[in-house]
Amino acid sequence: MTSEKTNRTLSGRVTSDKANKTVTVLVERRIKHHLYGKFVTRSKKYHAHDDNNQFSIGDIVLIEECRPISKTKSWKVIKLLKDEV
């Protein structure tokens, strides 16, 4: 029986590319408030591994969870979804 582990993927906007081989990705999600029923935007920033330094600020990218690369990096950039305008 061969079962492959599926890693979590998220999409978000690159907010910083200053570090070498690292981009900061802002992931926003909309949740419904449990009491008031209003939709609220929650956001979180992830450090993702960018091996070739090819992504820049404003790009929409797909990131995938991976083994820890450093203290703060446990994600890697898979592909570019939308280029900066």
PDB file of N, CA and C in Angstrom:
ATOM      1  N   MET A   1       0.848  -1.175   0.000  1.00  0.00           N
ATOM      2  CA  MET A   1       0.000   0.000   0.000  1.00  0.00           C
ATOM      3  C   MET A   1       0.895   1.240   0.000  1.00  0.00           C
ATOM      4  N   THR A   2       0.766   2.056  -1.036  1.00  0.00           N
ATOM      5  CA  THR A   2       1.572   3.276  -1.124  1.00  0.00           C
ATOM      6  C   THR A   2       0.663   4.476  -0.944  1.00  0.00           C
ATOM      7  N   SER A   3       0.846   5.158   0.173  1.00  0.00           N
ATOM      8  CA  SER A   3       0.068   6.360   0.422  1.00  0.00           C
ATOM      9  C   SER A   3       1.037   7.525   0.579  1.00  0.00           C
ATOM     10  N   GLU A   4       0.866   8.519  -0.253  1.00  0.00           N
ATOM     11  CA  GLU A   4       1.731   9.683  -0.203  1.00  0.00           C
ATOM     12  C   GLU A   4       1.105  10.753   0.666  1.00  0.00           C
ATOM     13  N   LYS A   5       1.932  11.397   1.465  1.00  0.00           N
ATOM     14  CA  LYS A   5       1.441  12.458   2.333  1.00  0.00           C
ATOM     15  C   LYS A   5       1.172  13.701   1.497  1.00  0.00           C
ATOM     16  N   THR A   6       0.010  14.300   1.681  1.00  0.00           N
ATOM     17  CA  THR A   6      -0.296  15.545   0.986  1.00  0.00           C
ATOM     18  C   THR A   6      -0.015  16.703   1.926  1.00  0.00           C
ATOM     19  N   ASN A   7       0.834  17.600   1.471  1.00  0.00           N
ATOM     20  CA  ASN A   7       1.213  18.747   2.291  1.00  0.00           C
ATOM     21  C   ASN A   7       0.206  19.869   2.131  1.00  0.00           C
ATOM     22  N   ARG A   8       0.098  20.705   3.175  1.00  0.00           N
ATOM     23  CA  ARG A   8      -0.820  21.847   3.120  1.00  0.00           C
ATOM     24  C   ARG A   8      -0.294  22.876   2.131  1.00  0.00           C
ATOM     25  N   THR A   9      -1.204  23.488   1.397  1.00  0.00           N
ATOM     26  CA  THR A   9      -0.836  24.574   0.494  1.00  0.00           C
ATOM     27  C   THR A   9      -1.696  25.789   0.803  1.00  0.00           C
ATOM     28  N   LEU A  10      -1.090  26.969   0.678  1.00  0.00           N
ATOM     29  CA  LEU A  10      -1.771  28.237   0.886  1.00  0.00           C
ATOM     30  C   LEU A  10      -1.365  29.182  -0.230  1.00  0.00           C
ATOM     31  N   SER A  11      -2.207  30.151  -0.513  1.00  0.00           N
ATOM     32  CA  SER A  11      -1.844  31.165  -1.497  1.00  0.00           C
ATOM     33  C   SER A  11      -1.882  32.528  -0.822  1.00  0.00           C
ATOM     34  N   GLY A  12      -0.947  33.387  -1.237  1.00  0.00           N
ATOM     35  CA  GLY A  12      -0.872  34.704  -0.631  1.00  0.00           C
ATOM     36  C   GLY A  12      -0.012  35.646  -1.434  1.00  0.00           C
ATOM     37  N   ARG A  13       0.127  36.868  -0.919  1.00  0.00           N
ATOM     38  CA  ARG A  13       0.859  37.930  -1.612  1.00  0.00           C
ATOM     39  C   ARG A  13       2.216  38.121  -0.960  1.00  0.00           C
ATOM     40  N   VAL A  14       3.257  38.251  -1.790  1.00  0.00           N
ATOM     41  CA  VAL A  14       4.611  38.480  -1.286  1.00  0.00           C
ATOM     42  C   VAL A  14       4.699  39.923  -0.795  1.00  0.00           C
ATOM     43  N   THR A  15       5.103  40.084   0.472  1.00  0.00           N
ATOM     44  CA  THR A  15       5.209  41.427   1.054  1.00  0.00           C
ATOM     45  C   THR A  15       6.649  41.861   1.239  1.00  0.00           C
ATOM     46  N   SER A  16       7.598  40.914   1.256  1.00  0.00           N
ATOM     47  CA  SER A  16       9.001  41.269   1.423  1.00  0.00           C
ATOM     48  C   SER A  16       9.868  40.236   0.728  1.00  0.00           C
ATOM     49  N   ASP A  17      10.920  40.715   0.055  1.00  0.00           N
ATOM     50  CA  ASP A  17      11.881  39.824  -0.579  1.00  0.00           C
ATOM     51  C   ASP A  17      13.315  40.249  -0.250  1.00  0.00           C
ATOM     52  N   LYS A  18      13.498  40.892   0.890  1.00  0.00           N
ATOM     53  CA  LYS A  18      14.802  41.445   1.258  1.00  0.00           C
ATOM     54  C   LYS A  18      15.796  40.381   1.687  1.00  0.00           C
ATOM     55  N   ALA A  19      15.340  39.321   2.323  1.00  0.00           N
ATOM     56  CA  ALA A  19      16.249  38.280   2.799  1.00  0.00           C
ATOM     57  C   ALA A  19      16.691  37.399   1.632  1.00  0.00           C
ATOM     58  N   ASN A  20      17.867  36.814   1.765  1.00  0.00           N
ATOM     59  CA  ASN A  20      18.395  35.944   0.720  1.00  0.00           C
ATOM     60  C   ASN A  20      17.673  34.598   0.737  1.00  0.00           C
ATOM     61  N   LYS A  21      17.123  34.207  -0.400  1.00  0.00           N
ATOM     62  CA  LYS A  21      16.395  32.942  -0.590  1.00  0.00           C
ATOM     63  C   LYS A  21      15.164  32.815   0.295  1.00  0.00           C
ATOM     64  N   THR A  22      14.604  33.938   0.721  1.00  0.00           N
ATOM     65  CA  THR A  22      13.407  33.926   1.569  1.00  0.00           C
ATOM     66  C   THR A  22      12.458  35.035   1.135  1.00  0.00           C
ATOM     67  N   VAL A  23      11.176  34.724   1.088  1.00  0.00           N
ATOM     68  CA  VAL A  23      10.144  35.735   0.868  1.00  0.00           C
ATOM     69  C   VAL A  23       9.148  35.655   2.017  1.00  0.00           C
ATOM     70  N   THR A  24       8.538  36.786   2.343  1.00  0.00           N
ATOM     71  CA  THR A  24       7.485  36.824   3.339  1.00  0.00           C
ATOM     72  C   THR A  24       6.156  36.886   2.602  1.00  0.00           C
ATOM     73  N   VAL A  25       5.264  35.954   2.909  1.00  0.00           N
ATOM     74  CA  VAL A  25       3.990  35.828   2.206  1.00  0.00           C
ATOM     75  C   VAL A  25       2.863  36.123   3.183  1.00  0.00           C
ATOM     76  N   LEU A  26       1.985  37.065   2.809  1.00  0.00           N
ATOM     77  CA  LEU A  26       0.820  37.414   3.610  1.00  0.00           C
ATOM     78  C   LEU A  26      -0.366  36.605   3.107  1.00  0.00           C
ATOM     79  N   VAL A  27      -0.904  35.758   3.973  1.00  0.00           N
ATOM     80  CA  VAL A  27      -2.060  34.919   3.638  1.00  0.00           C
ATOM     81  C   VAL A  27      -3.263  35.467   4.376  1.00  0.00           C
ATOM     82  N   GLU A  28      -4.309  35.820   3.627  1.00  0.00           N
ATOM     83  CA  GLU A  28      -5.536  36.337   4.221  1.00  0.00           C
ATOM     84  C   GLU A  28      -6.655  35.320   4.051  1.00  0.00           C
ATOM     85  N   ARG A  29      -7.460  35.187   5.098  1.00  0.00           N
ATOM     86  CA  ARG A  29      -8.619  34.300   5.016  1.00  0.00           C
ATOM     87  C   ARG A  29      -9.803  35.007   5.648  1.00  0.00           C
ATOM     88  N   ARG A  30     -10.995  34.701   5.131  1.00  0.00           N
ATOM     89  CA  ARG A  30     -12.218  35.315   5.647  1.00  0.00           C
ATOM     90  C   ARG A  30     -12.991  34.270   6.422  1.00  0.00           C
ATOM     91  N   ILE A  31     -13.304  34.604   7.698  1.00  0.00           N
ATOM     92  CA  ILE A  31     -14.076  33.693   8.533  1.00  0.00           C
ATOM     93  C   ILE A  31     -15.342  34.403   8.994  1.00  0.00           C
ATOM     94  N   LYS A  32     -16.332  33.617   9.328  1.00  0.00           N
ATOM     95  CA  LYS A  32     -17.577  34.161   9.834  1.00  0.00           C
ATOM     96  C   LYS A  32     -17.496  34.236  11.348  1.00  0.00           C
ATOM     97  N   HIS A  33     -17.803  35.392  11.920  1.00  0.00           N
ATOM     98  CA  HIS A  33     -17.764  35.575  13.364  1.00  0.00           C
ATOM     99  C   HIS A  33     -18.813  34.678  14.004  1.00  0.00           C
ATOM    100  N   HIS A  34     -18.433  33.970  15.062  1.00  0.00           N
ATOM    101  CA  HIS A  34     -19.318  32.963  15.642  1.00  0.00           C
ATOM    102  C   HIS A  34     -20.561  33.547  16.285  1.00  0.00           C
ATOM    103  N   LEU A  35     -20.497  34.789  16.780  1.00  0.00           N
ATOM    104  CA  LEU A  35     -21.640  35.380  17.466  1.00  0.00           C
ATOM    105  C   LEU A  35     -22.421  36.331  16.563  1.00  0.00           C
ATOM    106  N   TYR A  36     -21.715  37.210  15.860  1.00  0.00           N
ATOM    107  CA  TYR A  36     -22.386  38.250  15.094  1.00  0.00           C
ATOM    108  C   TYR A  36     -22.676  37.871  13.656  1.00  0.00           C
ATOM    109  N   GLY A  37     -22.027  36.845  13.140  1.00  0.00           N
ATOM    110  CA  GLY A  37     -22.300  36.404  11.780  1.00  0.00           C
ATOM    111  C   GLY A  37     -21.630  37.247  10.709  1.00  0.00           C
ATOM    112  N   LYS A  38     -20.867  38.240  11.113  1.00  0.00           N
ATOM    113  CA  LYS A  38     -20.193  39.115  10.163  1.00  0.00           C
ATOM    114  C   LYS A  38     -18.895  38.449   9.698  1.00  0.00           C
ATOM    115  N   PHE A  39     -18.517  38.655   8.425  1.00  0.00           N
ATOM    116  CA  PHE A  39     -17.281  38.097   7.912  1.00  0.00           C
ATOM    117  C   PHE A  39     -16.110  38.985   8.291  1.00  0.00           C
ATOM    118  N   VAL A  40     -15.076  38.374   8.858  1.00  0.00           N
ATOM    119  CA  VAL A  40     -13.904  39.080   9.355  1.00  0.00           C
ATOM    120  C   VAL A  40     -12.686  38.550   8.607  1.00  0.00           C
ATOM    121  N   THR A  41     -11.777  39.446   8.235  1.00  0.00           N
ATOM    122  CA  THR A  41     -10.561  39.042   7.545  1.00  0.00           C
ATOM    123  C   THR A  41      -9.449  38.808   8.561  1.00  0.00           C
ATOM    124  N   ARG A  42      -8.890  37.618   8.534  1.00  0.00           N
ATOM    125  CA  ARG A  42      -7.749  37.261   9.375  1.00  0.00           C
ATOM    126  C   ARG A  42      -6.537  37.112   8.462  1.00  0.00           C
ATOM    127  N   SER A  43      -5.387  37.550   8.938  1.00  0.00           N
ATOM    128  CA  SER A  43      -4.185  37.449   8.110  1.00  0.00           C
ATOM    129  C   SER A  43      -3.020  36.934   8.940  1.00  0.00           C
ATOM    130  N   LYS A  44      -2.085  36.291   8.260  1.00  0.00           N
ATOM    131  CA  LYS A  44      -0.888  35.766   8.901  1.00  0.00           C
ATOM    132  C   LYS A  44       0.236  35.794   7.883  1.00  0.00           C
ATOM    133  N   LYS A  45       1.448  36.068   8.376  1.00  0.00           N
ATOM    134  CA  LYS A  45       2.615  36.106   7.505  1.00  0.00           C
ATOM    135  C   LYS A  45       3.443  34.840   7.702  1.00  0.00           C
ATOM    136  N   TYR A  46       3.902  34.285   6.580  1.00  0.00           N
ATOM    137  CA  TYR A  46       4.742  33.103   6.586  1.00  0.00           C
ATOM    138  C   TYR A  46       6.045  33.413   5.866  1.00  0.00           C
ATOM    139  N   HIS A  47       7.161  32.866   6.382  1.00  0.00           N
ATOM    140  CA  HIS A  47       8.434  32.938   5.675  1.00  0.00           C
ATOM    141  C   HIS A  47       8.527  31.694   4.810  1.00  0.00           C
ATOM    142  N   ALA A  48       8.762  31.895   3.508  1.00  0.00           N
ATOM    143  CA  ALA A  48       8.815  30.779   2.572  1.00  0.00           C
ATOM    144  C   ALA A  48      10.147  30.773   1.838  1.00  0.00           C
ATOM    145  N   HIS A  49      10.628  29.580   1.512  1.00  0.00           N
ATOM    146  CA  HIS A  49      11.917  29.404   0.850  1.00  0.00           C
ATOM    147  C   HIS A  49      11.763  29.666  -0.646  1.00  0.00           C
ATOM    148  N   ASP A  50      12.574  30.580  -1.162  1.00  0.00           N
ATOM    149  CA  ASP A  50      12.607  30.936  -2.586  1.00  0.00           C
ATOM    150  C   ASP A  50      14.039  30.706  -3.051  1.00  0.00           C
ATOM    151  N   ASP A  51      14.313  29.533  -3.599  1.00  0.00           N
ATOM    152  CA  ASP A  51      15.684  29.107  -3.876  1.00  0.00           C
ATOM    153  C   ASP A  51      16.417  30.006  -4.867  1.00  0.00           C
ATOM    154  N   ASN A  52      15.724  30.500  -5.887  1.00  0.00           N
ATOM    155  CA  ASN A  52      16.386  31.284  -6.938  1.00  0.00           C
ATOM    156  C   ASN A  52      16.165  32.788  -6.816  1.00  0.00           C
ATOM    157  N   ASN A  53      15.569  33.247  -5.734  1.00  0.00           N
ATOM    158  CA  ASN A  53      15.248  34.672  -5.559  1.00  0.00           C
ATOM    159  C   ASN A  53      14.485  35.231  -6.756  1.00  0.00           C
ATOM    160  N   GLN A  54      13.490  34.500  -7.236  1.00  0.00           N
ATOM    161  CA  GLN A  54      12.779  34.899  -8.449  1.00  0.00           C
ATOM    162  C   GLN A  54      11.467  35.630  -8.191  1.00  0.00           C
ATOM    163  N   PHE A  55      10.965  35.636  -6.955  1.00  0.00           N
ATOM    164  CA  PHE A  55       9.691  36.269  -6.664  1.00  0.00           C
ATOM    165  C   PHE A  55       9.931  37.636  -6.045  1.00  0.00           C
ATOM    166  N   SER A  56       9.061  38.597  -6.407  1.00  0.00           N
ATOM    167  CA  SER A  56       9.230  39.964  -5.913  1.00  0.00           C
ATOM    168  C   SER A  56       7.954  40.426  -5.225  1.00  0.00           C
ATOM    169  N   ILE A  57       8.026  41.606  -4.633  1.00  0.00           N
ATOM    170  CA  ILE A  57       6.907  42.155  -3.869  1.00  0.00           C
ATOM    171  C   ILE A  57       5.686  42.333  -4.779  1.00  0.00           C
ATOM    172  N   GLY A  58       4.536  41.892  -4.292  1.00  0.00           N
ATOM    173  CA  GLY A  58       3.285  42.034  -5.030  1.00  0.00           C
ATOM    174  C   GLY A  58       2.857  40.787  -5.772  1.00  0.00           C
ATOM    175  N   ASP A  59       3.741  39.812  -5.940  1.00  0.00           N
ATOM    176  CA  ASP A  59       3.388  38.574  -6.632  1.00  0.00           C
ATOM    177  C   ASP A  59       2.440  37.745  -5.778  1.00  0.00           C
ATOM    178  N   ILE A  60       1.500  37.076  -6.424  1.00  0.00           N
ATOM    179  CA  ILE A  60       0.619  36.126  -5.747  1.00  0.00           C
ATOM    180  C   ILE A  60       1.222  34.745  -5.981  1.00  0.00           C
ATOM    181  N   VAL A  61       1.563  34.043  -4.888  1.00  0.00           N
ATOM    182  CA  VAL A  61       2.265  32.767  -5.001  1.00  0.00           C
ATOM    183  C   VAL A  61       1.537  31.674  -4.226  1.00  0.00           C
ATOM    184  N   LEU A  62       1.867  30.439  -4.571  1.00  0.00           N
ATOM    185  CA  LEU A  62       1.358  29.262  -3.880  1.00  0.00           C
ATOM    186  C   LEU A  62       2.505  28.697  -3.048  1.00  0.00           C
ATOM    187  N   ILE A  63       2.280  28.529  -1.730  1.00  0.00           N
ATOM    188  CA  ILE A  63       3.316  27.985  -0.864  1.00  0.00           C
ATOM    189  C   ILE A  63       2.862  26.645  -0.308  1.00  0.00           C
ATOM    190  N   GLU A  64       3.846  25.776  -0.027  1.00  0.00           N
ATOM    191  CA  GLU A  64       3.563  24.431   0.464  1.00  0.00           C
ATOM    192  C   GLU A  64       4.364  24.179   1.730  1.00  0.00           C
ATOM    193  N   GLU A  65       3.751  23.512   2.680  1.00  0.00           N
ATOM    194  CA  GLU A  65       4.432  23.182   3.924  1.00  0.00           C
ATOM    195  C   GLU A  65       5.504  22.131   3.663  1.00  0.00           C
ATOM    196  N   CYS A  66       6.660  22.283   4.324  1.00  0.00           N
ATOM    197  CA  CYS A  66       7.757  21.341   4.147  1.00  0.00           C
ATOM    198  C   CYS A  66       8.482  21.171   5.480  1.00  0.00           C
ATOM    199  N   ARG A  67       9.582  20.459   5.463  1.00  0.00           N
ATOM    200  CA  ARG A  67      10.373  20.281   6.677  1.00  0.00           C
ATOM    201  C   ARG A  67      10.955  21.627   7.098  1.00  0.00           C
ATOM    202  N   PRO A  68      11.281  21.828   8.368  1.00  0.00           N
ATOM    203  CA  PRO A  68      11.863  23.099   8.789  1.00  0.00           C
ATOM    204  C   PRO A  68      13.217  23.346   8.117  1.00  0.00           C
ATOM    205  N   ILE A  69      13.336  24.490   7.435  1.00  0.00           N
ATOM    206  CA  ILE A  69      14.572  24.865   6.752  1.00  0.00           C
ATOM    207  C   ILE A  69      15.419  25.730   7.686  1.00  0.00           C
ATOM    208  N   SER A  70      14.776  26.561   8.478  1.00  0.00           N
ATOM    209  CA  SER A  70      15.467  27.373   9.475  1.00  0.00           C
ATOM    210  C   SER A  70      14.520  27.548  10.660  1.00  0.00           C
ATOM    211  N   LYS A  71      14.848  28.465  11.547  1.00  0.00           N
ATOM    212  CA  LYS A  71      14.026  28.675  12.746  1.00  0.00           C
ATOM    213  C   LYS A  71      12.612  29.115  12.391  1.00  0.00           C
ATOM    214  N   THR A  72      12.482  29.954  11.369  1.00  0.00           N
ATOM    215  CA  THR A  72      11.168  30.502  11.021  1.00  0.00           C
ATOM    216  C   THR A  72      10.620  29.989   9.696  1.00  0.00           C
ATOM    217  N   LYS A  73      11.415  29.252   8.916  1.00  0.00           N
ATOM    218  CA  LYS A  73      10.963  28.796   7.600  1.00  0.00           C
ATOM    219  C   LYS A  73      10.566  27.330   7.609  1.00  0.00           C
ATOM    220  N   SER A  74       9.270  27.081   7.364  1.00  0.00           N
ATOM    221  CA  SER A  74       8.767  25.724   7.205  1.00  0.00           C
ATOM    222  C   SER A  74       7.884  25.622   5.968  1.00  0.00           C
ATOM    223  N   TRP A  75       8.016  26.580   5.073  1.00  0.00           N
ATOM    224  CA  TRP A  75       7.220  26.636   3.853  1.00  0.00           C
ATOM    225  C   TRP A  75       8.147  26.880   2.679  1.00  0.00           C
ATOM    226  N   LYS A  76       7.756  26.421   1.493  1.00  0.00           N
ATOM    227  CA  LYS A  76       8.518  26.714   0.282  1.00  0.00           C
ATOM    228  C   LYS A  76       7.546  27.165  -0.806  1.00  0.00           C
ATOM    229  N   VAL A  77       8.032  28.038  -1.674  1.00  0.00           N
ATOM    230  CA  VAL A  77       7.201  28.562  -2.749  1.00  0.00           C
ATOM    231  C   VAL A  77       7.150  27.528  -3.868  1.00  0.00           C
ATOM    232  N   ILE A  78       5.943  27.178  -4.292  1.00  0.00           N
ATOM    233  CA  ILE A  78       5.758  26.178  -5.337  1.00  0.00           C
ATOM    234  C   ILE A  78       5.697  26.829  -6.711  1.00  0.00           C
ATOM    235  N   LYS A  79       4.791  27.811  -6.866  1.00  0.00           N
ATOM    236  CA  LYS A  79       4.660  28.439  -8.181  1.00  0.00           C
ATOM    237  C   LYS A  79       4.054  29.821  -8.063  1.00  0.00           C
ATOM    238  N   LEU A  80       4.204  30.555  -9.136  1.00  0.00           N
ATOM    239  CA  LEU A  80       3.666  31.902  -9.251  1.00  0.00           C
ATOM    240  C   LEU A  80       2.252  31.807  -9.806  1.00  0.00           C
ATOM    241  N   LEU A  81       1.284  32.365  -9.081  1.00  0.00           N
ATOM    242  CA  LEU A  81      -0.095  32.339  -9.558  1.00  0.00           C
ATOM    243  C   LEU A  81      -0.442  33.573 -10.372  1.00  0.00           C
ATOM    244  N   LYS A  82       0.004  34.741  -9.905  1.00  0.00           N
ATOM    245  CA  LYS A  82      -0.272  35.995 -10.600  1.00  0.00           C
ATOM    246  C   LYS A  82       0.922  36.910 -10.431  1.00  0.00           C
ATOM    247  N   ASP A  83       1.371  37.484 -11.533  1.00  0.00           N
ATOM    248  CA  ASP A  83       2.549  38.352 -11.522  1.00  0.00           C
ATOM    249  C   ASP A  83       2.165  39.751 -11.059  1.00  0.00           C
ATOM    250  N   GLU A  84       3.155  40.467 -10.549  1.00  0.00           N
ATOM    251  CA  GLU A  84       2.962  41.857 -10.114  1.00  0.00           C
ATOM    252  C   GLU A  84       2.597  42.706 -11.327  1.00  0.00           C
ATOM    253  N   VAL A  85       1.603  43.571 -11.156  1.00  0.00           N
ATOM    254  CA  VAL A  85       1.135  44.405 -12.280  1.00  0.00           C
ATOM    255  C   VAL A  85       1.973  45.636 -12.444  1.00  0.00           C
TER     256      VAL A  85
END
